[in-house]
Amino acid sequence: MYLKRKFRKENSEMQITNIKIRKIFDDEGPMKAVVSVTFDDVLALHDIKVINTTEKLFIVMPSRRNADGTYRDVVHPITAEFRSLIERAVLDEYNKALEEAASSDEL
């Protein structure tokens, strides 16, 4: 049975209300950070990973390893537009954190 719960804001678009860079990795590996994102001050999404490849930075959603060794996302955006919105916001916050760390190292 599918139950539809009423939870609507006046503006029905989901808003990112907080991004927390939980850990930054300084080593040479591809994983650069672990991030948590809060939506509408009511839903937290933990363990988003910032990954660096030779081409670009991107995010990977939280996943679980299956018995056969493959991975399956635990949660993920349904549309490319929403994924892009999350990715831009997370990467912007990650870059800000790097800049702040670099400026504090200079002092």
PDB file of N, CA and C in Angstrom:
ATOM      1  N   MET A   1       0.845  -1.179   0.000  1.00  0.00           N
ATOM      2  CA  MET A   1       0.000   0.000   0.000  1.00  0.00           C
ATOM      3  C   MET A   1       0.890   1.242   0.000  1.00  0.00           C
ATOM      4  N   TYR A   2       0.588   2.169  -0.836  1.00  0.00           N
ATOM      5  CA  TYR A   2       1.341   3.411  -0.947  1.00  0.00           C
ATOM      6  C   TYR A   2       0.570   4.505  -0.235  1.00  0.00           C
ATOM      7  N   LEU A   3       1.217   5.120   0.746  1.00  0.00           N
ATOM      8  CA  LEU A   3       0.596   6.214   1.473  1.00  0.00           C
ATOM      9  C   LEU A   3       1.262   7.514   1.081  1.00  0.00           C
ATOM     10  N   LYS A   4       0.486   8.466   0.734  1.00  0.00           N
ATOM     11  CA  LYS A   4       1.024   9.770   0.377  1.00  0.00           C
ATOM     12  C   LYS A   4       0.872  10.695   1.580  1.00  0.00           C
ATOM     13  N   ARG A   5       1.969  11.171   2.059  1.00  0.00           N
ATOM     14  CA  ARG A   5       1.967  12.072   3.218  1.00  0.00           C
ATOM     15  C   ARG A   5       1.979  13.507   2.716  1.00  0.00           C
ATOM     16  N   LYS A   6       1.304  14.352   3.433  1.00  0.00           N
ATOM     17  CA  LYS A   6       1.295  15.758   3.055  1.00  0.00           C
ATOM     18  C   LYS A   6       2.424  16.472   3.777  1.00  0.00           C
ATOM     19  N   PHE A   7       3.381  16.888   3.010  1.00  0.00           N
ATOM     20  CA  PHE A   7       4.462  17.724   3.514  1.00  0.00           C
ATOM     21  C   PHE A   7       4.828  18.664   2.383  1.00  0.00           C
ATOM     22  N   ARG A   8       4.291  19.823   2.430  1.00  0.00           N
ATOM     23  CA  ARG A   8       4.559  20.804   1.378  1.00  0.00           C
ATOM     24  C   ARG A   8       4.890  22.132   2.010  1.00  0.00           C
ATOM     25  N   LYS A   9       5.813  22.798   1.396  1.00  0.00           N
ATOM     26  CA  LYS A   9       6.102  24.162   1.778  1.00  0.00           C
ATOM     27  C   LYS A   9       5.384  25.059   0.778  1.00  0.00           C
ATOM     28  N   GLU A  10       5.305  26.323   1.111  1.00  0.00           N
ATOM     29  CA  GLU A  10       4.694  27.249   0.163  1.00  0.00           C
ATOM     30  C   GLU A  10       5.400  27.192  -1.180  1.00  0.00           C
ATOM     31  N   ASN A  11       6.715  27.197  -1.142  1.00  0.00           N
ATOM     32  CA  ASN A  11       7.501  27.022  -2.359  1.00  0.00           C
ATOM     33  C   ASN A  11       7.835  25.536  -2.420  1.00  0.00           C
ATOM     34  N   SER A  12       7.304  24.810  -3.378  1.00  0.00           N
ATOM     35  CA  SER A  12       7.422  23.357  -3.372  1.00  0.00           C
ATOM     36  C   SER A  12       8.786  22.840  -3.836  1.00  0.00           C
ATOM     37  N   GLU A  13       9.691  23.715  -4.244  1.00  0.00           N
ATOM     38  CA  GLU A  13      11.019  23.261  -4.638  1.00  0.00           C
ATOM     39  C   GLU A  13      11.847  22.941  -3.401  1.00  0.00           C
ATOM     40  N   MET A  14      12.535  21.808  -3.440  1.00  0.00           N
ATOM     41  CA  MET A  14      13.403  21.424  -2.338  1.00  0.00           C
ATOM     42  C   MET A  14      14.629  22.321  -2.346  1.00  0.00           C
ATOM     43  N   GLN A  15      15.000  22.818  -1.171  1.00  0.00           N
ATOM     44  CA  GLN A  15      16.127  23.725  -1.040  1.00  0.00           C
ATOM     45  C   GLN A  15      17.244  23.075  -0.237  1.00  0.00           C
ATOM     46  N   ILE A  16      18.473  23.297  -0.643  1.00  0.00           N
ATOM     47  CA  ILE A  16      19.615  22.880   0.152  1.00  0.00           C
ATOM     48  C   ILE A  16      19.804  23.941   1.223  1.00  0.00           C
ATOM     49  N   THR A  17      19.698  23.524   2.488  1.00  0.00           N
ATOM     50  CA  THR A  17      19.794  24.486   3.580  1.00  0.00           C
ATOM     51  C   THR A  17      21.124  24.419   4.325  1.00  0.00           C
ATOM     52  N   ASN A  18      21.905  23.360   4.107  1.00  0.00           N
ATOM     53  CA  ASN A  18      23.216  23.278   4.743  1.00  0.00           C
ATOM     54  C   ASN A  18      24.079  22.260   3.998  1.00  0.00           C
ATOM     55  N   ILE A  19      25.346  22.587   3.882  1.00  0.00           N
ATOM     56  CA  ILE A  19      26.329  21.641   3.345  1.00  0.00           C
ATOM     57  C   ILE A  19      27.498  21.638   4.318  1.00  0.00           C
ATOM     58  N   LYS A  20      27.856  20.453   4.788  1.00  0.00           N
ATOM     59  CA  LYS A  20      28.970  20.333   5.729  1.00  0.00           C
ATOM     60  C   LYS A  20      30.027  19.417   5.129  1.00  0.00           C
ATOM     61  N   ILE A  21      31.217  19.964   4.973  1.00  0.00           N
ATOM     62  CA  ILE A  21      32.351  19.151   4.527  1.00  0.00           C
ATOM     63  C   ILE A  21      32.838  18.411   5.767  1.00  0.00           C
ATOM     64  N   ARG A  22      32.569  17.120   5.836  1.00  0.00           N
ATOM     65  CA  ARG A  22      32.874  16.346   7.038  1.00  0.00           C
ATOM     66  C   ARG A  22      34.350  15.964   7.136  1.00  0.00           C
ATOM     67  N   LYS A  23      34.968  15.675   6.000  1.00  0.00           N
ATOM     68  CA  LYS A  23      36.381  15.295   6.014  1.00  0.00           C
ATOM     69  C   LYS A  23      36.974  15.611   4.650  1.00  0.00           C
ATOM     70  N   ILE A  24      38.189  16.166   4.652  1.00  0.00           N
ATOM     71  CA  ILE A  24      38.937  16.409   3.420  1.00  0.00           C
ATOM     72  C   ILE A  24      40.162  15.501   3.453  1.00  0.00           C
ATOM     73  N   PHE A  25      40.390  14.815   2.349  1.00  0.00           N
ATOM     74  CA  PHE A  25      41.536  13.920   2.225  1.00  0.00           C
ATOM     75  C   PHE A  25      42.638  14.629   1.451  1.00  0.00           C
ATOM     76  N   ASP A  26      43.825  14.705   2.034  1.00  0.00           N
ATOM     77  CA  ASP A  26      44.950  15.408   1.407  1.00  0.00           C
ATOM     78  C   ASP A  26      45.846  14.488   0.593  1.00  0.00           C
ATOM     79  N   ASP A  27      45.606  13.190   0.647  1.00  0.00           N
ATOM     80  CA  ASP A  27      46.502  12.260  -0.055  1.00  0.00           C
ATOM     81  C   ASP A  27      46.268  12.279  -1.562  1.00  0.00           C
ATOM     82  N   GLU A  28      47.012  11.483  -2.267  1.00  0.00           N
ATOM     83  CA  GLU A  28      46.958  11.469  -3.727  1.00  0.00           C
ATOM     84  C   GLU A  28      45.827  10.618  -4.303  1.00  0.00           C
ATOM     85  N   GLY A  29      45.031   9.987  -3.466  1.00  0.00           N
ATOM     86  CA  GLY A  29      43.945   9.138  -3.955  1.00  0.00           C
ATOM     87  C   GLY A  29      42.838   9.944  -4.610  1.00  0.00           C
ATOM     88  N   PRO A  30      41.908   9.267  -5.275  1.00  0.00           N
ATOM     89  CA  PRO A  30      40.834   9.968  -5.981  1.00  0.00           C
ATOM     90  C   PRO A  30      39.778  10.580  -5.058  1.00  0.00           C
ATOM     91  N   MET A  31      39.550   9.998  -3.864  1.00  0.00           N
ATOM     92  CA  MET A  31      38.530  10.555  -2.972  1.00  0.00           C
ATOM     93  C   MET A  31      39.093  11.775  -2.257  1.00  0.00           C
ATOM     94  N   LYS A  32      38.414  12.914  -2.406  1.00  0.00           N
ATOM     95  CA  LYS A  32      38.909  14.175  -1.868  1.00  0.00           C
ATOM     96  C   LYS A  32      38.142  14.651  -0.640  1.00  0.00           C
ATOM     97  N   ALA A  33      36.873  14.250  -0.493  1.00  0.00           N
ATOM     98  CA  ALA A  33      36.100  14.716   0.660  1.00  0.00           C
ATOM     99  C   ALA A  33      34.867  13.843   0.861  1.00  0.00           C
ATOM    100  N   VAL A  34      34.355  13.917   2.098  1.00  0.00           N
ATOM    101  CA  VAL A  34      33.069  13.308   2.438  1.00  0.00           C
ATOM    102  C   VAL A  34      32.189  14.443   2.943  1.00  0.00           C
ATOM    103  N   VAL A  35      30.963  14.501   2.424  1.00  0.00           N
ATOM    104  CA  VAL A  35      30.102  15.664   2.628  1.00  0.00           C
ATOM    105  C   VAL A  35      28.713  15.222   3.084  1.00  0.00           C
ATOM    106  N   SER A  36      28.073  16.072   3.909  1.00  0.00           N
ATOM    107  CA  SER A  36      26.669  15.894   4.271  1.00  0.00           C
ATOM    108  C   SER A  36      25.887  17.088   3.745  1.00  0.00           C
ATOM    109  N   VAL A  37      24.679  16.834   3.242  1.00  0.00           N
ATOM    110  CA  VAL A  37      23.819  17.889   2.707  1.00  0.00           C
ATOM    111  C   VAL A  37      22.469  17.804   3.411  1.00  0.00           C
ATOM    112  N   THR A  38      21.965  18.955   3.850  1.00  0.00           N
ATOM    113  CA  THR A  38      20.644  19.023   4.473  1.00  0.00           C
ATOM    114  C   THR A  38      19.690  19.733   3.523  1.00  0.00           C
ATOM    115  N   PHE A  39      18.496  19.172   3.387  1.00  0.00           N
ATOM    116  CA  PHE A  39      17.448  19.728   2.529  1.00  0.00           C
ATOM    117  C   PHE A  39      16.295  20.216   3.395  1.00  0.00           C
ATOM    118  N   ASP A  40      15.854  21.440   3.130  1.00  0.00           N
ATOM    119  CA  ASP A  40      14.694  22.035   3.800  1.00  0.00           C
ATOM    120  C   ASP A  40      14.761  21.948   5.327  1.00  0.00           C
ATOM    121  N   ASP A  41      15.943  21.875   5.885  1.00  0.00           N
ATOM    122  CA  ASP A  41      16.138  21.751   7.333  1.00  0.00           C
ATOM    123  C   ASP A  41      15.411  20.550   7.939  1.00  0.00           C
ATOM    124  N   VAL A  42      15.076  19.542   7.119  1.00  0.00           N
ATOM    125  CA  VAL A  42      14.355  18.378   7.642  1.00  0.00           C
ATOM    126  C   VAL A  42      14.909  17.039   7.173  1.00  0.00           C
ATOM    127  N   LEU A  43      15.805  17.026   6.186  1.00  0.00           N
ATOM    128  CA  LEU A  43      16.330  15.774   5.653  1.00  0.00           C
ATOM    129  C   LEU A  43      17.831  15.900   5.457  1.00  0.00           C
ATOM    130  N   ALA A  44      18.584  14.978   6.074  1.00  0.00           N
ATOM    131  CA  ALA A  44      20.041  14.995   5.944  1.00  0.00           C
ATOM    132  C   ALA A  44      20.489  13.821   5.086  1.00  0.00           C
ATOM    133  N   LEU A  45      21.380  14.100   4.163  1.00  0.00           N
ATOM    134  CA  LEU A  45      21.971  13.087   3.286  1.00  0.00           C
ATOM    135  C   LEU A  45      23.470  13.062   3.589  1.00  0.00           C
ATOM    136  N   HIS A  46      23.943  11.950   4.159  1.00  0.00           N
ATOM    137  CA  HIS A  46      25.333  11.821   4.579  1.00  0.00           C
ATOM    138  C   HIS A  46      26.132  10.979   3.589  1.00  0.00           C
ATOM    139  N   ASP A  47      27.431  11.115   3.678  1.00  0.00           N
ATOM    140  CA  ASP A  47      28.393  10.275   2.952  1.00  0.00           C
ATOM    141  C   ASP A  47      28.389  10.461   1.439  1.00  0.00           C
ATOM    142  N   ILE A  48      28.151  11.678   0.987  1.00  0.00           N
ATOM    143  CA  ILE A  48      28.379  12.006  -0.418  1.00  0.00           C
ATOM    144  C   ILE A  48      29.886  12.166  -0.567  1.00  0.00           C
ATOM    145  N   LYS A  49      30.458  11.563  -1.576  1.00  0.00           N
ATOM    146  CA  LYS A  49      31.904  11.613  -1.766  1.00  0.00           C
ATOM    147  C   LYS A  49      32.266  12.543  -2.919  1.00  0.00           C
ATOM    148  N   VAL A  50      33.306  13.339  -2.723  1.00  0.00           N
ATOM    149  CA  VAL A  50      33.866  14.165  -3.788  1.00  0.00           C
ATOM    150  C   VAL A  50      35.035  13.376  -4.358  1.00  0.00           C
ATOM    151  N   ILE A  51      34.963  13.115  -5.662  1.00  0.00           N
ATOM    152  CA  ILE A  51      35.964  12.307  -6.347  1.00  0.00           C
ATOM    153  C   ILE A  51      36.682  13.161  -7.389  1.00  0.00           C
ATOM    154  N   ASN A  52      38.007  12.969  -7.496  1.00  0.00           N
ATOM    155  CA  ASN A  52      38.798  13.690  -8.482  1.00  0.00           C
ATOM    156  C   ASN A  52      39.340  12.697  -9.515  1.00  0.00           C
ATOM    157  N   THR A  53      39.058  12.966 -10.773  1.00  0.00           N
ATOM    158  CA  THR A  53      39.660  12.200 -11.865  1.00  0.00           C
ATOM    159  C   THR A  53      40.555  13.149 -12.645  1.00  0.00           C
ATOM    160  N   THR A  54      41.205  12.634 -13.660  1.00  0.00           N
ATOM    161  CA  THR A  54      42.064  13.508 -14.460  1.00  0.00           C
ATOM    162  C   THR A  54      41.254  14.559 -15.201  1.00  0.00           C
ATOM    163  N   GLU A  55      39.980  14.273 -15.463  1.00  0.00           N
ATOM    164  CA  GLU A  55      39.152  15.221 -16.201  1.00  0.00           C
ATOM    165  C   GLU A  55      38.454  16.251 -15.323  1.00  0.00           C
ATOM    166  N   LYS A  56      37.945  15.822 -14.153  1.00  0.00           N
ATOM    167  CA  LYS A  56      37.134  16.751 -13.362  1.00  0.00           C
ATOM    168  C   LYS A  56      36.862  16.205 -11.975  1.00  0.00           C
ATOM    169  N   LEU A  57      36.286  17.087 -11.142  1.00  0.00           N
ATOM    170  CA  LEU A  57      35.731  16.693  -9.851  1.00  0.00           C
ATOM    171  C   LEU A  57      34.266  16.337 -10.063  1.00  0.00           C
ATOM    172  N   PHE A  58      33.782  15.339  -9.331  1.00  0.00           N
ATOM    173  CA  PHE A  58      32.362  15.016  -9.363  1.00  0.00           C
ATOM    174  C   PHE A  58      31.977  14.393  -8.031  1.00  0.00           C
ATOM    175  N   ILE A  59      30.671  14.191  -7.819  1.00  0.00           N
ATOM    176  CA  ILE A  59      30.217  13.589  -6.573  1.00  0.00           C
ATOM    177  C   ILE A  59      29.687  12.185  -6.822  1.00  0.00           C
ATOM    178  N   VAL A  60      29.758  11.370  -5.763  1.00  0.00           N
ATOM    179  CA  VAL A  60      29.222  10.022  -5.789  1.00  0.00           C
ATOM    180  C   VAL A  60      28.264   9.912  -4.613  1.00  0.00           C
ATOM    181  N   MET A  61      27.076   9.433  -4.880  1.00  0.00           N
ATOM    182  CA  MET A  61      26.066   9.287  -3.842  1.00  0.00           C
ATOM    183  C   MET A  61      26.415   8.126  -2.906  1.00  0.00           C
ATOM    184  N   PRO A  62      25.858   8.131  -1.701  1.00  0.00           N
ATOM    185  CA  PRO A  62      26.109   7.029  -0.765  1.00  0.00           C
ATOM    186  C   PRO A  62      25.696   5.698  -1.397  1.00  0.00           C
ATOM    187  N   SER A  63      26.524   4.682  -1.194  1.00  0.00           N
ATOM    188  CA  SER A  63      26.232   3.386  -1.799  1.00  0.00           C
ATOM    189  C   SER A  63      26.536   2.261  -0.824  1.00  0.00           C
ATOM    190  N   ARG A  64      26.040   1.089  -1.182  1.00  0.00           N
ATOM    191  CA  ARG A  64      26.241  -0.112  -0.384  1.00  0.00           C
ATOM    192  C   ARG A  64      26.815  -1.190  -1.283  1.00  0.00           C
ATOM    193  N   ARG A  65      27.727  -1.955  -0.752  1.00  0.00           N
ATOM    194  CA  ARG A  65      28.329  -3.035  -1.531  1.00  0.00           C
ATOM    195  C   ARG A  65      27.422  -4.264  -1.489  1.00  0.00           C
ATOM    196  N   ASN A  66      27.127  -4.801  -2.662  1.00  0.00           N
ATOM    197  CA  ASN A  66      26.314  -6.014  -2.771  1.00  0.00           C
ATOM    198  C   ASN A  66      27.179  -7.248  -2.561  1.00  0.00           C
ATOM    199  N   ALA A  67      26.550  -8.377  -2.347  1.00  0.00           N
ATOM    200  CA  ALA A  67      27.258  -9.639  -2.128  1.00  0.00           C
ATOM    201  C   ALA A  67      28.160 -10.001  -3.310  1.00  0.00           C
ATOM    202  N   ASP A  68      27.780  -9.583  -4.526  1.00  0.00           N
ATOM    203  CA  ASP A  68      28.574  -9.915  -5.714  1.00  0.00           C
ATOM    204  C   ASP A  68      29.719  -8.931  -5.961  1.00  0.00           C
ATOM    205  N   GLY A  69      29.932  -7.991  -5.036  1.00  0.00           N
ATOM    206  CA  GLY A  69      31.038  -7.048  -5.162  1.00  0.00           C
ATOM    207  C   GLY A  69      30.685  -5.751  -5.878  1.00  0.00           C
ATOM    208  N   THR A  70      29.506  -5.662  -6.461  1.00  0.00           N
ATOM    209  CA  THR A  70      29.083  -4.428  -7.119  1.00  0.00           C
ATOM    210  C   THR A  70      28.521  -3.466  -6.069  1.00  0.00           C
ATOM    211  N   TYR A  71      28.364  -2.220  -6.469  1.00  0.00           N
ATOM    212  CA  TYR A  71      27.820  -1.217  -5.558  1.00  0.00           C
ATOM    213  C   TYR A  71      26.466  -0.745  -6.051  1.00  0.00           C
ATOM    214  N   ARG A  72      25.613  -0.390  -5.114  1.00  0.00           N
ATOM    215  CA  ARG A  72      24.272   0.119  -5.430  1.00  0.00           C
ATOM    216  C   ARG A  72      24.051   1.383  -4.617  1.00  0.00           C
ATOM    217  N   ASP A  73      23.613   2.456  -5.289  1.00  0.00           N
ATOM    218  CA  ASP A  73      23.319   3.697  -4.572  1.00  0.00           C
ATOM    219  C   ASP A  73      22.207   3.458  -3.559  1.00  0.00           C
ATOM    220  N   VAL A  74      22.394   4.003  -2.357  1.00  0.00           N
ATOM    221  CA  VAL A  74      21.373   3.920  -1.321  1.00  0.00           C
ATOM    222  C   VAL A  74      20.316   4.984  -1.578  1.00  0.00           C
ATOM    223  N   VAL A  75      20.770   6.129  -2.045  1.00  0.00           N
ATOM    224  CA  VAL A  75      19.886   7.250  -2.368  1.00  0.00           C
ATOM    225  C   VAL A  75      20.499   7.963  -3.568  1.00  0.00           C
ATOM    226  N   HIS A  76      19.644   8.505  -4.408  1.00  0.00           N
ATOM    227  CA  HIS A  76      20.155   9.222  -5.578  1.00  0.00           C
ATOM    228  C   HIS A  76      19.094  10.156  -6.133  1.00  0.00           C
ATOM    229  N   PRO A  77      19.523  11.230  -6.801  1.00  0.00           N
ATOM    230  CA  PRO A  77      18.570  12.130  -7.454  1.00  0.00           C
ATOM    231  C   PRO A  77      17.894  11.410  -8.625  1.00  0.00           C
ATOM    232  N   ILE A  78      16.654  11.739  -8.855  1.00  0.00           N
ATOM    233  CA  ILE A  78      15.895  11.118  -9.948  1.00  0.00           C
ATOM    234  C   ILE A  78      16.179  11.815 -11.274  1.00  0.00           C
ATOM    235  N   THR A  79      16.361  13.126 -11.238  1.00  0.00           N
ATOM    236  CA  THR A  79      16.571  13.854 -12.487  1.00  0.00           C
ATOM    237  C   THR A  79      18.015  14.346 -12.592  1.00  0.00           C
ATOM    238  N   ALA A  80      18.467  14.484 -13.821  1.00  0.00           N
ATOM    239  CA  ALA A  80      19.807  15.016 -14.070  1.00  0.00           C
ATOM    240  C   ALA A  80      19.913  16.457 -13.580  1.00  0.00           C
ATOM    241  N   GLU A  81      18.824  17.197 -13.682  1.00  0.00           N
ATOM    242  CA  GLU A  81      18.820  18.593 -13.254  1.00  0.00           C
ATOM    243  C   GLU A  81      19.067  18.694 -11.743  1.00  0.00           C
ATOM    244  N   PHE A  82      18.394  17.844 -10.960  1.00  0.00           N
ATOM    245  CA  PHE A  82      18.569  17.891  -9.510  1.00  0.00           C
ATOM    246  C   PHE A  82      19.961  17.386  -9.120  1.00  0.00           C
ATOM    247  N   ARG A  83      20.456  16.375  -9.814  1.00  0.00           N
ATOM    248  CA  ARG A  83      21.811  15.881  -9.550  1.00  0.00           C
ATOM    249  C   ARG A  83      22.832  16.988  -9.805  1.00  0.00           C
ATOM    250  N   SER A  84      22.651  17.716 -10.889  1.00  0.00           N
ATOM    251  CA  SER A  84      23.548  18.809 -11.231  1.00  0.00           C
ATOM    252  C   SER A  84      23.499  19.907 -10.167  1.00  0.00           C
ATOM    253  N   LEU A  85      22.309  20.209  -9.656  1.00  0.00           N
ATOM    254  CA  LEU A  85      22.154  21.212  -8.615  1.00  0.00           C
ATOM    255  C   LEU A  85      22.919  20.801  -7.355  1.00  0.00           C
ATOM    256  N   ILE A  86      22.779  19.549  -6.941  1.00  0.00           N
ATOM    257  CA  ILE A  86      23.492  19.060  -5.757  1.00  0.00           C
ATOM    258  C   ILE A  86      24.998  19.086  -6.011  1.00  0.00           C
ATOM    259  N   GLU A  87      25.404  18.610  -7.175  1.00  0.00           N
ATOM    260  CA  GLU A  87      26.832  18.543  -7.478  1.00  0.00           C
ATOM    261  C   GLU A  87      27.470  19.936  -7.471  1.00  0.00           C
ATOM    262  N   ARG A  88      26.820  20.897  -8.113  1.00  0.00           N
ATOM    263  CA  ARG A  88      27.362  22.269  -8.140  1.00  0.00           C
ATOM    264  C   ARG A  88      27.492  22.835  -6.725  1.00  0.00           C
ATOM    265  N   ALA A  89      26.450  22.646  -5.909  1.00  0.00           N
ATOM    266  CA  ALA A  89      26.459  23.187  -4.551  1.00  0.00           C
ATOM    267  C   ALA A  89      27.554  22.533  -3.703  1.00  0.00           C
ATOM    268  N   VAL A  90      27.681  21.214  -3.792  1.00  0.00           N
ATOM    269  CA  VAL A  90      28.694  20.492  -3.013  1.00  0.00           C
ATOM    270  C   VAL A  90      30.098  20.890  -3.457  1.00  0.00           C
ATOM    271  N   LEU A  91      30.336  20.928  -4.757  1.00  0.00           N
ATOM    272  CA  LEU A  91      31.675  21.277  -5.247  1.00  0.00           C
ATOM    273  C   LEU A  91      32.033  22.725  -4.927  1.00  0.00           C
ATOM    274  N   ASP A  92      31.062  23.622  -4.975  1.00  0.00           N
ATOM    275  CA  ASP A  92      31.315  25.014  -4.585  1.00  0.00           C
ATOM    276  C   ASP A  92      31.745  25.086  -3.121  1.00  0.00           C
ATOM    277  N   GLU A  93      31.040  24.357  -2.263  1.00  0.00           N
ATOM    278  CA  GLU A  93      31.371  24.361  -0.829  1.00  0.00           C
ATOM    279  C   GLU A  93      32.727  23.696  -0.580  1.00  0.00           C
ATOM    280  N   TYR A  94      33.021  22.642  -1.303  1.00  0.00           N
ATOM    281  CA  TYR A  94      34.314  21.963  -1.195  1.00  0.00           C
ATOM    282  C   TYR A  94      35.444  22.923  -1.588  1.00  0.00           C
ATOM    283  N   ASN A  95      35.277  23.630  -2.697  1.00  0.00           N
ATOM    284  CA  ASN A  95      36.306  24.586  -3.139  1.00  0.00           C
ATOM    285  C   ASN A  95      36.484  25.720  -2.136  1.00  0.00           C
ATOM    286  N   LYS A  96      35.376  26.177  -1.515  1.00  0.00           N
ATOM    287  CA  LYS A  96      35.484  27.208  -0.475  1.00  0.00           C
ATOM    288  C   LYS A  96      36.288  26.695   0.712  1.00  0.00           C
ATOM    289  N   ALA A  97      36.026  25.443   1.109  1.00  0.00           N
ATOM    290  CA  ALA A  97      36.744  24.852   2.241  1.00  0.00           C
ATOM    291  C   ALA A  97      38.234  24.743   1.935  1.00  0.00           C
ATOM    292  N   LEU A  98      38.571  24.391   0.697  1.00  0.00           N
ATOM    293  CA  LEU A  98      39.982  24.322   0.312  1.00  0.00           C
ATOM    294  C   LEU A  98      40.637  25.702   0.373  1.00  0.00           C
ATOM    295  N   GLU A  99      39.931  26.720  -0.116  1.00  0.00           N
ATOM    296  CA  GLU A  99      40.460  28.086  -0.079  1.00  0.00           C
ATOM    297  C   GLU A  99      40.676  28.563   1.356  1.00  0.00           C
ATOM    298  N   GLU A 100      39.705  28.263   2.233  1.00  0.00           N
ATOM    299  CA  GLU A 100      39.829  28.665   3.636  1.00  0.00           C
ATOM    300  C   GLU A 100      41.009  27.953   4.294  1.00  0.00           C
ATOM    301  N   ALA A 101      41.164  26.663   3.990  1.00  0.00           N
ATOM    302  CA  ALA A 101      42.293  25.910   4.558  1.00  0.00           C
ATOM    303  C   ALA A 101      43.613  26.471   4.072  1.00  0.00           C
ATOM    304  N   ALA A 102      43.683  26.820   2.791  1.00  0.00           N
ATOM    305  CA  ALA A 102      44.925  27.372   2.222  1.00  0.00           C
ATOM    306  C   ALA A 102      45.242  28.728   2.841  1.00  0.00           C
ATOM    307  N   SER A 103      44.232  29.572   3.035  1.00  0.00           N
ATOM    308  CA  SER A 103      44.485  30.893   3.613  1.00  0.00           C
ATOM    309  C   SER A 103      44.856  30.793   5.094  1.00  0.00           C
ATOM    310  N   SER A 104      44.325  29.830   5.809  1.00  0.00           N
ATOM    311  CA  SER A 104      44.695  29.680   7.218  1.00  0.00           C
ATOM    312  C   SER A 104      46.106  29.111   7.352  1.00  0.00           C
ATOM    313  N   ASP A 105      46.551  28.325   6.350  1.00  0.00           N
ATOM    314  CA  ASP A 105      47.920  27.801   6.351  1.00  0.00           C
ATOM    315  C   ASP A 105      48.940  28.904   6.105  1.00  0.00           C
ATOM    316  N   GLU A 106      48.514  29.952   5.378  1.00  0.00           N
ATOM    317  CA  GLU A 106      49.414  31.051   5.056  1.00  0.00           C
ATOM    318  C   GLU A 106      49.690  31.938   6.257  1.00  0.00           C
ATOM    319  N   LEU A 107      48.809  31.910   7.238  1.00  0.00           N
ATOM    320  CA  LEU A 107      48.970  32.799   8.411  1.00  0.00           C
ATOM    321  C   LEU A 107      50.057  32.348   9.338  1.00  0.00           C
TER     322      LEU A 107
END
